[in-house]
């Protein structure tokens, strides 16, 4: 198997993709991660920011 590609995701990526894991490039990324082709990295700060932004969006609906 070829070397894995390492990718770091920042909050802006999730925001630009509108947190949509079903139809956006995030869906393909999730597939590549599950196939072992990509190693995904982030940090706790990004996780908290994404969670906070999702909660804000939900409250506005």
N, C-alpha and C. Protein backbone atom coordinates (compact mmCIF):
# COMPACT_ATOMS: atom_id res chain seq x y z
N UNK A 1 0.85 -1.18 0.00
CA UNK A 1 0.00 0.00 0.00
C UNK A 1 0.89 1.24 0.00
N UNK A 2 0.54 2.24 -0.82
CA UNK A 2 1.33 3.48 -0.82
C UNK A 2 1.25 4.20 0.52
N UNK A 3 2.16 5.13 0.70
CA UNK A 3 2.16 5.91 1.94
C UNK A 3 0.82 6.62 2.12
N UNK A 4 0.43 6.75 3.38
CA UNK A 4 -0.79 7.49 3.68
C UNK A 4 -0.54 8.99 3.51
N UNK A 5 -1.59 9.68 3.18
CA UNK A 5 -1.55 11.13 3.11
C UNK A 5 -2.01 11.66 4.46
N UNK A 6 -1.25 12.56 5.04
CA UNK A 6 -1.60 13.18 6.32
C UNK A 6 -2.31 14.51 6.05
N UNK A 7 -3.48 14.67 6.67
CA UNK A 7 -4.26 15.89 6.49
C UNK A 7 -4.67 16.43 7.85
N UNK A 8 -4.47 17.74 8.03
CA UNK A 8 -4.93 18.42 9.24
C UNK A 8 -6.13 19.27 8.85
N UNK A 9 -7.24 19.10 9.56
CA UNK A 9 -8.44 19.90 9.29
C UNK A 9 -8.61 20.97 10.35
N UNK A 10 -8.81 22.18 9.89
CA UNK A 10 -9.07 23.31 10.77
C UNK A 10 -10.57 23.63 10.73
N UNK A 11 -11.01 24.42 11.65
CA UNK A 11 -12.42 24.78 11.75
C UNK A 11 -12.96 25.35 10.45
N UNK A 12 -12.18 26.14 9.76
CA UNK A 12 -12.65 26.79 8.53
C UNK A 12 -13.06 25.77 7.47
N UNK A 13 -12.41 24.63 7.43
CA UNK A 13 -12.78 23.58 6.46
C UNK A 13 -14.20 23.09 6.74
N UNK A 14 -14.47 22.77 8.00
CA UNK A 14 -15.81 22.31 8.37
C UNK A 14 -16.85 23.38 8.07
N UNK A 15 -16.52 24.63 8.37
CA UNK A 15 -17.47 25.72 8.13
C UNK A 15 -17.75 25.88 6.64
N UNK A 16 -16.70 25.85 5.83
CA UNK A 16 -16.87 26.01 4.38
C UNK A 16 -17.68 24.87 3.77
N UNK A 17 -17.61 23.70 4.36
CA UNK A 17 -18.37 22.54 3.87
C UNK A 17 -19.73 22.44 4.55
N UNK A 18 -20.07 23.43 5.36
CA UNK A 18 -21.36 23.50 6.07
C UNK A 18 -21.62 22.25 6.92
N UNK A 19 -20.54 21.67 7.43
CA UNK A 19 -20.63 20.52 8.35
C UNK A 19 -21.38 19.35 7.71
N UNK A 20 -21.36 19.27 6.40
CA UNK A 20 -22.11 18.25 5.67
C UNK A 20 -21.19 17.08 5.33
N UNK A 21 -21.36 15.98 6.07
CA UNK A 21 -20.55 14.80 5.84
C UNK A 21 -21.18 13.85 4.83
N UNK A 22 -22.36 14.18 4.33
CA UNK A 22 -23.06 13.24 3.46
C UNK A 22 -22.84 13.49 1.97
N UNK A 23 -22.59 14.75 1.57
CA UNK A 23 -22.47 15.04 0.14
C UNK A 23 -21.25 15.85 -0.23
N UNK A 24 -20.55 16.37 0.69
CA UNK A 24 -19.44 17.27 0.41
C UNK A 24 -18.13 16.48 0.26
N UNK A 25 -17.06 17.18 -0.03
CA UNK A 25 -15.76 16.51 -0.04
C UNK A 25 -15.43 15.83 1.30
N UNK A 26 -16.10 16.26 2.38
CA UNK A 26 -15.88 15.60 3.66
C UNK A 26 -16.32 14.13 3.60
N UNK A 27 -17.35 13.84 2.80
CA UNK A 27 -17.80 12.45 2.64
C UNK A 27 -16.70 11.62 1.99
N UNK A 28 -16.09 12.15 0.94
CA UNK A 28 -15.00 11.43 0.27
C UNK A 28 -13.81 11.28 1.20
N UNK A 29 -13.52 12.33 1.94
CA UNK A 29 -12.40 12.27 2.88
C UNK A 29 -12.64 11.17 3.91
N UNK A 30 -13.86 11.10 4.42
CA UNK A 30 -14.22 10.05 5.38
C UNK A 30 -14.00 8.66 4.78
N UNK A 31 -14.34 8.51 3.51
CA UNK A 31 -14.13 7.23 2.81
C UNK A 31 -12.64 6.89 2.73
N UNK A 32 -11.83 7.86 2.35
CA UNK A 32 -10.39 7.61 2.23
C UNK A 32 -9.75 7.29 3.58
N UNK A 33 -10.24 7.91 4.63
CA UNK A 33 -9.75 7.60 5.97
C UNK A 33 -10.09 6.15 6.32
N UNK A 34 -11.33 5.74 6.04
CA UNK A 34 -11.74 4.38 6.37
C UNK A 34 -10.99 3.34 5.55
N UNK A 35 -10.54 3.71 4.35
CA UNK A 35 -9.75 2.80 3.52
C UNK A 35 -8.27 2.79 3.91
N UNK A 36 -7.89 3.66 4.83
CA UNK A 36 -6.50 3.74 5.26
C UNK A 36 -5.60 4.52 4.33
N UNK A 37 -6.19 5.25 3.40
CA UNK A 37 -5.40 6.03 2.45
C UNK A 37 -4.99 7.38 3.02
N UNK A 38 -5.76 7.86 3.99
CA UNK A 38 -5.54 9.19 4.58
C UNK A 38 -5.53 9.07 6.09
N UNK A 39 -4.62 9.79 6.72
CA UNK A 39 -4.63 9.93 8.18
C UNK A 39 -5.08 11.35 8.47
N UNK A 40 -6.11 11.44 9.27
CA UNK A 40 -6.73 12.72 9.57
C UNK A 40 -6.28 13.21 10.93
N UNK A 41 -5.90 14.47 10.99
CA UNK A 41 -5.46 15.09 12.24
C UNK A 41 -6.26 16.35 12.50
N UNK A 42 -6.47 16.61 13.75
CA UNK A 42 -7.04 17.87 14.21
C UNK A 42 -6.63 18.02 15.67
N UNK A 43 -7.18 18.98 16.36
CA UNK A 43 -6.84 19.11 17.77
C UNK A 43 -8.10 19.46 18.57
N UNK A 44 -7.96 19.49 19.85
CA UNK A 44 -9.10 19.71 20.74
C UNK A 44 -9.73 21.09 20.53
N UNK A 45 -8.93 22.06 20.20
CA UNK A 45 -9.45 23.41 19.96
C UNK A 45 -10.41 23.39 18.77
N UNK A 46 -10.01 22.73 17.70
CA UNK A 46 -10.86 22.64 16.51
C UNK A 46 -12.15 21.89 16.85
N UNK A 47 -12.04 20.81 17.59
CA UNK A 47 -13.23 20.03 17.96
C UNK A 47 -14.20 20.91 18.74
N UNK A 48 -13.70 21.66 19.71
CA UNK A 48 -14.59 22.53 20.50
C UNK A 48 -15.21 23.64 19.65
N UNK A 49 -14.42 24.23 18.73
CA UNK A 49 -14.95 25.27 17.86
C UNK A 49 -16.05 24.73 16.95
N UNK A 50 -15.81 23.56 16.38
CA UNK A 50 -16.81 22.95 15.49
C UNK A 50 -18.09 22.64 16.27
N UNK A 51 -17.94 22.05 17.44
CA UNK A 51 -19.12 21.73 18.27
C UNK A 51 -19.89 23.00 18.61
N UNK A 52 -19.19 24.06 18.99
CA UNK A 52 -19.85 25.33 19.34
C UNK A 52 -20.57 25.92 18.13
N UNK A 53 -19.95 25.85 16.96
CA UNK A 53 -20.58 26.39 15.75
C UNK A 53 -21.81 25.58 15.35
N UNK A 54 -21.76 24.27 15.51
CA UNK A 54 -22.93 23.44 15.20
C UNK A 54 -24.06 23.78 16.15
N UNK A 55 -23.76 23.94 17.43
CA UNK A 55 -24.80 24.30 18.40
C UNK A 55 -25.42 25.64 18.06
N UNK A 56 -24.61 26.63 17.65
CA UNK A 56 -25.13 27.94 17.26
C UNK A 56 -26.08 27.80 16.07
N UNK A 57 -25.67 27.01 15.08
CA UNK A 57 -26.51 26.82 13.88
C UNK A 57 -27.82 26.16 14.24
N UNK A 58 -27.78 25.19 15.13
CA UNK A 58 -28.99 24.48 15.53
C UNK A 58 -29.96 25.40 16.25
N UNK A 59 -29.43 26.30 17.07
CA UNK A 59 -30.28 27.23 17.83
C UNK A 59 -30.97 28.23 16.92
N UNK A 60 -30.37 28.52 15.77
CA UNK A 60 -30.94 29.48 14.83
C UNK A 60 -32.05 28.88 13.98
N UNK A 61 -32.11 27.57 13.91
CA UNK A 61 -33.13 26.92 13.04
C UNK A 61 -34.50 26.99 13.64
